[in-house]
């Protein structure tokens, strides 16, 4: 049997993180459903869909960006919040308005994500490939898992 120091607030911190995760999962936007890829919030800004994965030494964020040029995307980080903003522009101006159905959006978009751990902002890398924006966020050294060698005597 081992003796461990009781830290009452550590349980509250994990509860806070779990509540934030559940809120993000069930209420990703404040607005009506537009499409699986882009939703609109009440401010009429498109909100791209996101996956966030903990890969051990980094957090990987994948965000759907169909039809968006890399020059129209801005990725920034401030403290524990990752923000992705940009615009979806029409390639050409259409003169005819004989649409039978029109669902594609041509507007600005923004998504802010609270990160679950501290990351190293100097080593963040973003790559746009096949309409998906991949953001690699290396974890800060103090939160990376460390393997400890055990000596047997």
N, C-alpha and C. Protein backbone atom coordinates (compact mmCIF):
# COMPACT_ATOMS: atom_id res chain seq x y z
N UNK A 1 0.85 -1.18 0.00
CA UNK A 1 0.00 0.00 0.00
C UNK A 1 0.89 1.23 0.00
N UNK A 2 0.58 2.19 -0.85
CA UNK A 2 1.37 3.41 -0.90
C UNK A 2 0.58 4.58 -0.33
N UNK A 3 1.32 5.54 0.15
CA UNK A 3 0.71 6.74 0.72
C UNK A 3 0.87 7.86 -0.30
N UNK A 4 -0.25 8.52 -0.60
CA UNK A 4 -0.22 9.62 -1.55
C UNK A 4 -0.79 10.86 -0.89
N UNK A 5 -0.24 11.99 -1.26
CA UNK A 5 -0.74 13.26 -0.74
C UNK A 5 -2.08 13.55 -1.41
N UNK A 6 -3.07 13.90 -0.62
CA UNK A 6 -4.38 14.22 -1.16
C UNK A 6 -4.39 15.66 -1.63
N UNK A 7 -4.79 15.86 -2.87
CA UNK A 7 -4.90 17.20 -3.43
C UNK A 7 -6.36 17.41 -3.84
N UNK A 8 -7.14 18.03 -2.97
CA UNK A 8 -8.59 18.13 -3.22
C UNK A 8 -8.95 18.88 -4.50
N UNK A 9 -8.14 19.85 -4.91
CA UNK A 9 -8.50 20.65 -6.07
C UNK A 9 -8.16 19.98 -7.39
N UNK A 10 -7.34 18.93 -7.36
CA UNK A 10 -7.02 18.24 -8.62
C UNK A 10 -8.27 17.57 -9.19
N UNK A 11 -9.14 17.07 -8.32
CA UNK A 11 -10.39 16.47 -8.79
C UNK A 11 -11.30 17.53 -9.41
N UNK A 12 -11.32 18.72 -8.83
CA UNK A 12 -12.14 19.80 -9.39
C UNK A 12 -11.62 20.23 -10.76
N UNK A 13 -10.30 20.25 -10.93
CA UNK A 13 -9.72 20.64 -12.21
C UNK A 13 -10.10 19.65 -13.30
N UNK A 14 -10.04 18.36 -13.01
CA UNK A 14 -10.42 17.37 -14.02
C UNK A 14 -11.93 17.45 -14.30
N UNK A 15 -12.73 17.76 -13.30
CA UNK A 15 -14.16 17.94 -13.50
C UNK A 15 -14.43 19.15 -14.39
N UNK A 16 -13.70 20.26 -14.18
CA UNK A 16 -13.85 21.46 -14.99
C UNK A 16 -13.53 21.16 -16.45
N UNK A 17 -12.42 20.44 -16.70
CA UNK A 17 -12.03 20.10 -18.07
C UNK A 17 -13.08 19.21 -18.73
N UNK A 18 -13.61 18.25 -17.99
CA UNK A 18 -14.62 17.36 -18.54
C UNK A 18 -15.90 18.12 -18.87
N UNK A 19 -16.29 19.07 -18.02
CA UNK A 19 -17.48 19.88 -18.29
C UNK A 19 -17.28 20.74 -19.53
N UNK A 20 -16.10 21.33 -19.70
CA UNK A 20 -15.81 22.12 -20.91
C UNK A 20 -15.88 21.24 -22.15
N UNK A 21 -15.34 20.03 -22.06
CA UNK A 21 -15.38 19.12 -23.20
C UNK A 21 -16.82 18.77 -23.57
N UNK A 22 -17.65 18.49 -22.57
CA UNK A 22 -19.05 18.15 -22.84
C UNK A 22 -19.81 19.34 -23.43
N UNK A 23 -19.56 20.53 -22.92
CA UNK A 23 -20.21 21.72 -23.46
C UNK A 23 -19.81 21.92 -24.91
N UNK A 24 -18.51 21.80 -25.21
CA UNK A 24 -18.04 21.93 -26.60
C UNK A 24 -18.65 20.87 -27.50
N UNK A 25 -18.84 19.66 -26.96
CA UNK A 25 -19.38 18.57 -27.77
C UNK A 25 -20.86 18.75 -28.08
N UNK A 26 -21.64 19.17 -27.08
CA UNK A 26 -23.08 19.29 -27.27
C UNK A 26 -23.53 20.65 -27.79
N UNK A 27 -22.76 21.70 -27.58
CA UNK A 27 -23.13 23.04 -28.03
C UNK A 27 -21.97 23.68 -28.80
N UNK A 28 -21.60 23.11 -29.96
CA UNK A 28 -20.44 23.63 -30.68
C UNK A 28 -20.63 25.04 -31.22
N UNK A 29 -21.87 25.44 -31.52
CA UNK A 29 -22.13 26.79 -32.02
C UNK A 29 -23.44 27.28 -31.45
N UNK A 30 -23.64 28.60 -31.55
CA UNK A 30 -24.91 29.19 -31.15
C UNK A 30 -25.67 29.52 -32.43
N UNK A 31 -26.35 28.65 -33.03
CA UNK A 31 -27.03 28.99 -34.26
C UNK A 31 -27.62 27.77 -34.91
N UNK A 32 -28.14 27.98 -36.08
CA UNK A 32 -28.80 26.89 -36.77
C UNK A 32 -27.80 26.04 -37.53
N UNK A 33 -28.20 24.84 -37.78
CA UNK A 33 -27.39 23.88 -38.51
C UNK A 33 -27.41 24.26 -39.99
N UNK A 34 -26.24 24.36 -40.61
CA UNK A 34 -26.17 24.68 -42.04
C UNK A 34 -25.76 23.44 -42.82
N UNK A 35 -24.62 22.88 -42.53
CA UNK A 35 -24.16 21.69 -43.24
C UNK A 35 -23.16 20.98 -42.34
N UNK A 36 -22.78 19.74 -42.67
CA UNK A 36 -21.81 19.04 -41.84
C UNK A 36 -20.46 19.74 -41.79
N UNK A 37 -20.13 20.51 -42.83
CA UNK A 37 -18.82 21.14 -42.87
C UNK A 37 -18.84 22.53 -42.26
N UNK A 38 -19.79 23.34 -42.64
CA UNK A 38 -19.85 24.73 -42.16
C UNK A 38 -21.19 24.98 -41.49
N UNK A 39 -21.14 25.53 -40.30
CA UNK A 39 -22.34 25.98 -39.60
C UNK A 39 -22.22 27.48 -39.43
N UNK A 40 -23.32 28.14 -39.15
CA UNK A 40 -23.29 29.58 -38.93
C UNK A 40 -23.69 29.85 -37.48
N UNK A 41 -23.01 30.79 -36.88
CA UNK A 41 -23.38 31.21 -35.54
C UNK A 41 -24.39 32.34 -35.67
N UNK A 42 -24.87 32.87 -34.56
CA UNK A 42 -25.83 33.97 -34.61
C UNK A 42 -25.23 35.22 -35.21
N UNK A 43 -23.92 35.34 -35.24
CA UNK A 43 -23.26 36.51 -35.82
C UNK A 43 -23.04 36.35 -37.32
N UNK A 44 -23.58 35.29 -37.93
CA UNK A 44 -23.44 35.03 -39.36
C UNK A 44 -21.99 34.82 -39.79
N UNK A 45 -21.22 34.16 -38.98
CA UNK A 45 -19.86 33.76 -39.33
C UNK A 45 -19.86 32.24 -39.42
N UNK A 46 -19.35 31.71 -40.52
CA UNK A 46 -19.32 30.25 -40.67
C UNK A 46 -18.37 29.64 -39.64
N UNK A 47 -18.71 28.44 -39.18
CA UNK A 47 -17.91 27.76 -38.16
C UNK A 47 -17.51 26.39 -38.70
N UNK A 48 -16.22 26.17 -39.03
CA UNK A 48 -15.81 24.88 -39.57
C UNK A 48 -15.80 23.78 -38.51
N UNK A 49 -16.06 22.55 -38.95
CA UNK A 49 -16.03 21.38 -38.06
C UNK A 49 -14.59 21.02 -37.72
N UNK A 50 -14.40 20.48 -36.51
CA UNK A 50 -13.05 20.25 -35.97
C UNK A 50 -12.95 18.88 -35.31
N UNK A 51 -11.77 18.26 -35.44
CA UNK A 51 -11.38 17.11 -34.63
C UNK A 51 -10.13 17.51 -33.87
N UNK A 52 -10.03 17.14 -32.59
CA UNK A 52 -8.83 17.43 -31.78
C UNK A 52 -8.40 16.11 -31.14
N UNK A 53 -7.12 15.74 -31.36
CA UNK A 53 -6.61 14.45 -30.89
C UNK A 53 -5.34 14.67 -30.07
N UNK A 54 -5.25 13.99 -28.92
CA UNK A 54 -4.02 14.00 -28.12
C UNK A 54 -3.16 12.85 -28.62
N UNK A 55 -1.99 13.18 -29.19
CA UNK A 55 -1.10 12.16 -29.75
C UNK A 55 0.11 11.91 -28.86
N UNK A 56 0.01 12.22 -27.58
CA UNK A 56 1.12 12.00 -26.65
C UNK A 56 2.02 13.20 -26.55
N UNK A 57 2.82 13.46 -27.59
CA UNK A 57 3.74 14.60 -27.54
C UNK A 57 3.18 15.84 -28.21
N UNK A 58 1.99 15.72 -28.83
CA UNK A 58 1.38 16.88 -29.47
C UNK A 58 -0.14 16.75 -29.47
N UNK A 59 -0.80 17.89 -29.68
CA UNK A 59 -2.23 17.92 -29.94
C UNK A 59 -2.37 18.15 -31.44
N UNK A 60 -3.19 17.35 -32.11
CA UNK A 60 -3.43 17.53 -33.54
C UNK A 60 -4.87 18.01 -33.73
N UNK A 61 -5.01 19.18 -34.36
CA UNK A 61 -6.32 19.72 -34.69
C UNK A 61 -6.50 19.58 -36.20
N UNK A 62 -7.60 18.97 -36.61
CA UNK A 62 -7.95 18.84 -38.03
C UNK A 62 -9.24 19.61 -38.25
N UNK A 63 -9.23 20.51 -39.23
CA UNK A 63 -10.36 21.39 -39.46
C UNK A 63 -10.72 21.37 -40.95
N UNK A 64 -11.99 21.15 -41.25
CA UNK A 64 -12.44 21.10 -42.64
C UNK A 64 -12.42 22.49 -43.26
N UNK A 65 -11.72 22.61 -44.41
CA UNK A 65 -11.56 23.89 -45.11
C UNK A 65 -11.77 23.71 -46.62
N UNK A 66 -12.89 23.13 -47.05
CA UNK A 66 -13.06 22.92 -48.48
C UNK A 66 -13.13 24.24 -49.25
N UNK A 67 -12.34 24.34 -50.30
CA UNK A 67 -12.38 25.53 -51.15
C UNK A 67 -11.70 26.76 -50.59
N UNK A 68 -10.98 26.63 -49.48
CA UNK A 68 -10.32 27.79 -48.87
C UNK A 68 -8.84 27.78 -49.26
N UNK A 69 -8.35 28.91 -49.74
CA UNK A 69 -6.94 29.05 -50.09
C UNK A 69 -6.13 29.28 -48.81
N UNK A 70 -4.89 28.78 -48.78
CA UNK A 70 -4.07 28.92 -47.57
C UNK A 70 -3.79 30.38 -47.22
N UNK A 71 -3.74 31.26 -48.23
CA UNK A 71 -3.50 32.68 -47.96
C UNK A 71 -4.69 33.37 -47.30
N UNK A 72 -5.85 32.71 -47.29
CA UNK A 72 -7.05 33.27 -46.68
C UNK A 72 -7.31 32.70 -45.28
N UNK A 73 -6.32 32.03 -44.70
CA UNK A 73 -6.46 31.43 -43.37
C UNK A 73 -5.45 32.06 -42.42
N UNK A 74 -5.91 32.41 -41.23
CA UNK A 74 -5.04 32.97 -40.19
C UNK A 74 -5.15 32.09 -38.95
N UNK A 75 -4.03 31.54 -38.50
CA UNK A 75 -3.98 30.70 -37.30
C UNK A 75 -3.20 31.45 -36.24
N UNK A 76 -3.79 31.58 -35.04
CA UNK A 76 -3.09 32.27 -33.94
C UNK A 76 -3.36 31.54 -32.63
N UNK A 77 -2.47 31.80 -31.67
CA UNK A 77 -2.64 31.20 -30.34
C UNK A 77 -2.37 32.26 -29.30
N UNK A 78 -3.23 32.30 -28.28
CA UNK A 78 -3.04 33.22 -27.16
C UNK A 78 -3.39 32.45 -25.89
N UNK A 79 -2.38 32.29 -25.05
CA UNK A 79 -2.50 31.49 -23.82
C UNK A 79 -2.98 30.09 -24.16
N UNK A 80 -4.19 29.70 -23.73
CA UNK A 80 -4.67 28.33 -23.98
C UNK A 80 -5.75 28.27 -25.07
N UNK A 81 -5.81 29.30 -25.92
CA UNK A 81 -6.84 29.35 -26.96
C UNK A 81 -6.23 29.41 -28.36
N UNK A 82 -6.62 28.47 -29.20
CA UNK A 82 -6.22 28.44 -30.60
C UNK A 82 -7.36 29.06 -31.41
N UNK A 83 -7.03 30.03 -32.27
CA UNK A 83 -8.05 30.68 -33.10
C UNK A 83 -7.68 30.53 -34.57
N UNK A 84 -8.66 30.12 -35.36
CA UNK A 84 -8.49 30.01 -36.81
C UNK A 84 -9.56 30.89 -37.45
N UNK A 85 -9.11 31.85 -38.28
CA UNK A 85 -10.01 32.78 -38.96
C UNK A 85 -9.69 32.78 -40.44
N UNK A 86 -10.64 33.24 -41.23
CA UNK A 86 -10.37 33.37 -42.65
C UNK A 86 -11.59 33.75 -43.44
N UNK A 87 -11.45 33.67 -44.76
CA UNK A 87 -12.55 33.99 -45.66
C UNK A 87 -12.65 32.94 -46.76
N UNK A 88 -13.87 32.71 -47.17
CA UNK A 88 -14.14 31.84 -48.31
C UNK A 88 -14.59 32.78 -49.41
N UNK A 89 -13.81 32.84 -50.48
CA UNK A 89 -14.11 33.78 -51.56
C UNK A 89 -14.59 33.03 -52.80
N UNK A 90 -15.50 33.67 -53.53
CA UNK A 90 -15.94 33.14 -54.81
C UNK A 90 -14.81 33.27 -55.80
N UNK A 91 -14.66 32.27 -56.65
CA UNK A 91 -13.63 32.34 -57.68
C UNK A 91 -13.99 33.35 -58.76
N UNK A 92 -15.25 33.36 -59.17
CA UNK A 92 -15.70 34.31 -60.19
C UNK A 92 -17.04 34.89 -59.78
N UNK A 93 -17.32 36.05 -60.27
CA UNK A 93 -18.61 36.69 -60.01
C UNK A 93 -19.61 36.16 -61.02
N UNK A 94 -20.72 35.61 -60.55
CA UNK A 94 -21.73 35.06 -61.46
C UNK A 94 -22.79 36.11 -61.72
N UNK A 95 -23.14 36.28 -62.99
CA UNK A 95 -24.13 37.29 -63.36
C UNK A 95 -25.54 36.71 -63.35
N UNK A 96 -25.68 35.44 -63.71
CA UNK A 96 -27.01 34.83 -63.73
C UNK A 96 -27.40 34.38 -62.33
N UNK A 97 -28.67 34.53 -62.01
CA UNK A 97 -29.16 34.13 -60.70
C UNK A 97 -30.27 33.10 -60.84
N UNK A 98 -30.07 32.11 -61.66
CA UNK A 98 -31.08 31.07 -61.89
C UNK A 98 -30.78 29.83 -61.06
N UNK A 99 -30.44 30.03 -59.81
CA UNK A 99 -30.12 28.90 -58.95
C UNK A 99 -31.38 28.09 -58.65
N UNK A 100 -31.24 26.79 -58.68
CA UNK A 100 -32.31 25.92 -58.21
C UNK A 100 -32.10 25.69 -56.72
N UNK A 101 -30.85 25.55 -56.32
CA UNK A 101 -30.49 25.38 -54.91
C UNK A 101 -29.14 26.02 -54.69
N UNK A 102 -28.98 26.73 -53.58
CA UNK A 102 -27.70 27.37 -53.28
C UNK A 102 -27.41 27.23 -51.79
N UNK A 103 -26.45 26.35 -51.45
CA UNK A 103 -26.12 26.10 -50.05
C UNK A 103 -24.70 26.50 -49.70
N UNK A 104 -23.82 26.61 -50.68
CA UNK A 104 -22.43 26.94 -50.38
C UNK A 104 -22.33 28.35 -49.83
N UNK A 105 -21.43 28.53 -48.88
CA UNK A 105 -21.26 29.84 -48.26
C UNK A 105 -20.00 30.51 -48.78
N UNK A 106 -20.07 31.81 -48.92
CA UNK A 106 -18.92 32.63 -49.31
C UNK A 106 -18.87 33.77 -48.30
N UNK A 107 -18.13 33.57 -47.24
CA UNK A 107 -18.11 34.56 -46.17
C UNK A 107 -16.87 34.35 -45.32
N UNK A 108 -16.86 35.00 -44.18
CA UNK A 108 -15.75 34.80 -43.24
C UNK A 108 -16.07 33.61 -42.34
N UNK A 109 -15.04 33.06 -41.73
CA UNK A 109 -15.24 31.98 -40.77
C UNK A 109 -14.29 32.20 -39.60
N UNK A 110 -14.66 31.63 -38.47
CA UNK A 110 -13.82 31.73 -37.27
C UNK A 110 -14.14 30.58 -36.35
N UNK A 111 -13.10 30.04 -35.72
CA UNK A 111 -13.27 28.99 -34.72
C UNK A 111 -12.21 29.17 -33.66
N UNK A 112 -12.61 29.27 -32.40
CA UNK A 112 -11.69 29.37 -31.28
C UNK A 112 -11.83 28.10 -30.44
N UNK A 113 -10.70 27.49 -30.12
CA UNK A 113 -10.69 26.24 -29.36
C UNK A 113 -9.83 26.40 -28.12
N UNK A 114 -10.36 26.01 -26.99
CA UNK A 114 -9.56 25.99 -25.76
C UNK A 114 -8.75 24.71 -25.77
N UNK A 115 -7.45 24.85 -25.60
CA UNK A 115 -6.55 23.70 -25.63
C UNK A 115 -6.52 23.02 -24.27
N UNK A 116 -6.47 21.68 -24.24
CA UNK A 116 -6.51 20.96 -22.97
C UNK A 116 -5.20 21.01 -22.18
N UNK A 117 -4.08 21.34 -22.85
CA UNK A 117 -2.78 21.41 -22.19
C UNK A 117 -1.99 22.59 -22.74
N UNK A 118 -0.90 22.93 -22.05
CA UNK A 118 -0.01 23.98 -22.56
C UNK A 118 0.77 23.44 -23.75
N UNK A 119 0.95 24.31 -24.76
CA UNK A 119 1.69 23.92 -25.96
C UNK A 119 2.86 24.87 -26.16
N UNK A 120 3.80 24.45 -27.01
CA UNK A 120 4.95 25.28 -27.34
C UNK A 120 4.60 26.11 -28.58
N UNK A 121 4.26 27.41 -28.41
CA UNK A 121 3.81 28.22 -29.55
C UNK A 121 4.87 28.41 -30.63
N UNK A 122 6.15 28.28 -30.28
CA UNK A 122 7.22 28.47 -31.26
C UNK A 122 7.31 27.32 -32.26
N UNK A 123 6.75 26.16 -31.91
CA UNK A 123 6.89 24.98 -32.77
C UNK A 123 5.59 24.55 -33.44
N UNK A 124 4.56 25.39 -33.39
CA UNK A 124 3.28 25.06 -34.02
C UNK A 124 3.44 25.05 -35.54
N UNK A 125 2.85 24.04 -36.17
CA UNK A 125 2.92 23.90 -37.62
C UNK A 125 1.51 23.69 -38.16
N UNK A 126 1.16 24.40 -39.25
CA UNK A 126 -0.14 24.24 -39.89
C UNK A 126 0.06 23.87 -41.35
N UNK A 127 -0.68 22.86 -41.81
CA UNK A 127 -0.58 22.38 -43.19
C UNK A 127 -2.00 22.23 -43.74
N UNK A 128 -2.23 22.78 -44.94
CA UNK A 128 -3.51 22.62 -45.62
C UNK A 128 -3.34 21.57 -46.71
N UNK A 129 -4.10 20.46 -46.59
CA UNK A 129 -3.96 19.36 -47.55
C UNK A 129 -5.34 18.79 -47.87
N UNK A 130 -5.68 18.78 -49.15
CA UNK A 130 -6.95 18.20 -49.62
C UNK A 130 -8.17 18.75 -48.87
N UNK A 131 -8.18 20.05 -48.62
CA UNK A 131 -9.33 20.68 -47.98
C UNK A 131 -9.39 20.51 -46.47
N UNK A 132 -8.34 19.95 -45.87
CA UNK A 132 -8.29 19.80 -44.41
C UNK A 132 -7.08 20.58 -43.90
N UNK A 133 -7.30 21.42 -42.88
CA UNK A 133 -6.22 22.15 -42.23
C UNK A 133 -5.77 21.31 -41.03
N UNK A 134 -4.49 20.91 -41.04
CA UNK A 134 -3.91 20.14 -39.94
C UNK A 134 -3.02 21.09 -39.14
N UNK A 135 -3.30 21.23 -37.85
CA UNK A 135 -2.50 22.09 -36.98
C UNK A 135 -1.84 21.19 -35.94
N UNK A 136 -0.51 21.12 -35.99
CA UNK A 136 0.28 20.32 -35.05
C UNK A 136 0.74 21.25 -33.93
N UNK A 137 0.32 20.95 -32.70
CA UNK A 137 0.63 21.77 -31.54
C UNK A 137 1.47 20.96 -30.57
N UNK A 138 2.80 21.04 -30.65
CA UNK A 138 3.66 20.29 -29.73
C UNK A 138 3.41 20.72 -28.28
N UNK A 139 3.31 19.74 -27.40
CA UNK A 139 3.08 20.04 -25.99
C UNK A 139 4.31 20.71 -25.39
N UNK A 140 4.06 21.59 -24.42
CA UNK A 140 5.16 22.20 -23.67
C UNK A 140 5.89 21.10 -22.91
N UNK A 141 7.18 21.29 -22.70
CA UNK A 141 8.00 20.25 -22.05
C UNK A 141 7.44 19.79 -20.72
N UNK A 142 6.86 20.71 -19.93
CA UNK A 142 6.39 20.32 -18.60
C UNK A 142 5.17 19.41 -18.63
N UNK A 143 4.47 19.29 -19.77
CA UNK A 143 3.29 18.42 -19.83
C UNK A 143 3.50 17.17 -20.67
N UNK A 144 4.64 17.04 -21.33
CA UNK A 144 4.91 15.84 -22.12
C UNK A 144 5.10 14.65 -21.20
N UNK A 145 4.60 13.48 -21.60
CA UNK A 145 4.83 12.29 -20.78
C UNK A 145 6.32 11.95 -20.76
N UNK A 146 6.82 11.59 -19.58
CA UNK A 146 8.23 11.24 -19.44
C UNK A 146 8.35 9.80 -18.97
N UNK A 147 9.25 9.08 -19.60
CA UNK A 147 9.50 7.70 -19.21
C UNK A 147 10.64 7.71 -18.20
N UNK A 148 10.44 7.02 -17.11
CA UNK A 148 11.44 6.99 -16.04
C UNK A 148 11.98 5.57 -15.93
N UNK A 149 13.29 5.46 -16.01
CA UNK A 149 13.95 4.16 -15.90
C UNK A 149 14.03 3.77 -14.43
N UNK A 150 13.71 2.53 -14.16
CA UNK A 150 13.76 2.03 -12.78
C UNK A 150 14.96 1.11 -12.64
N UNK A 151 15.83 1.45 -11.70
CA UNK A 151 17.00 0.61 -11.43
C UNK A 151 16.62 -0.45 -10.40
N UNK A 152 17.08 -1.65 -10.64
CA UNK A 152 16.83 -2.74 -9.71
C UNK A 152 18.13 -3.02 -8.96
N UNK A 153 18.04 -3.02 -7.64
CA UNK A 153 19.26 -3.27 -6.87
C UNK A 153 19.15 -4.52 -6.04
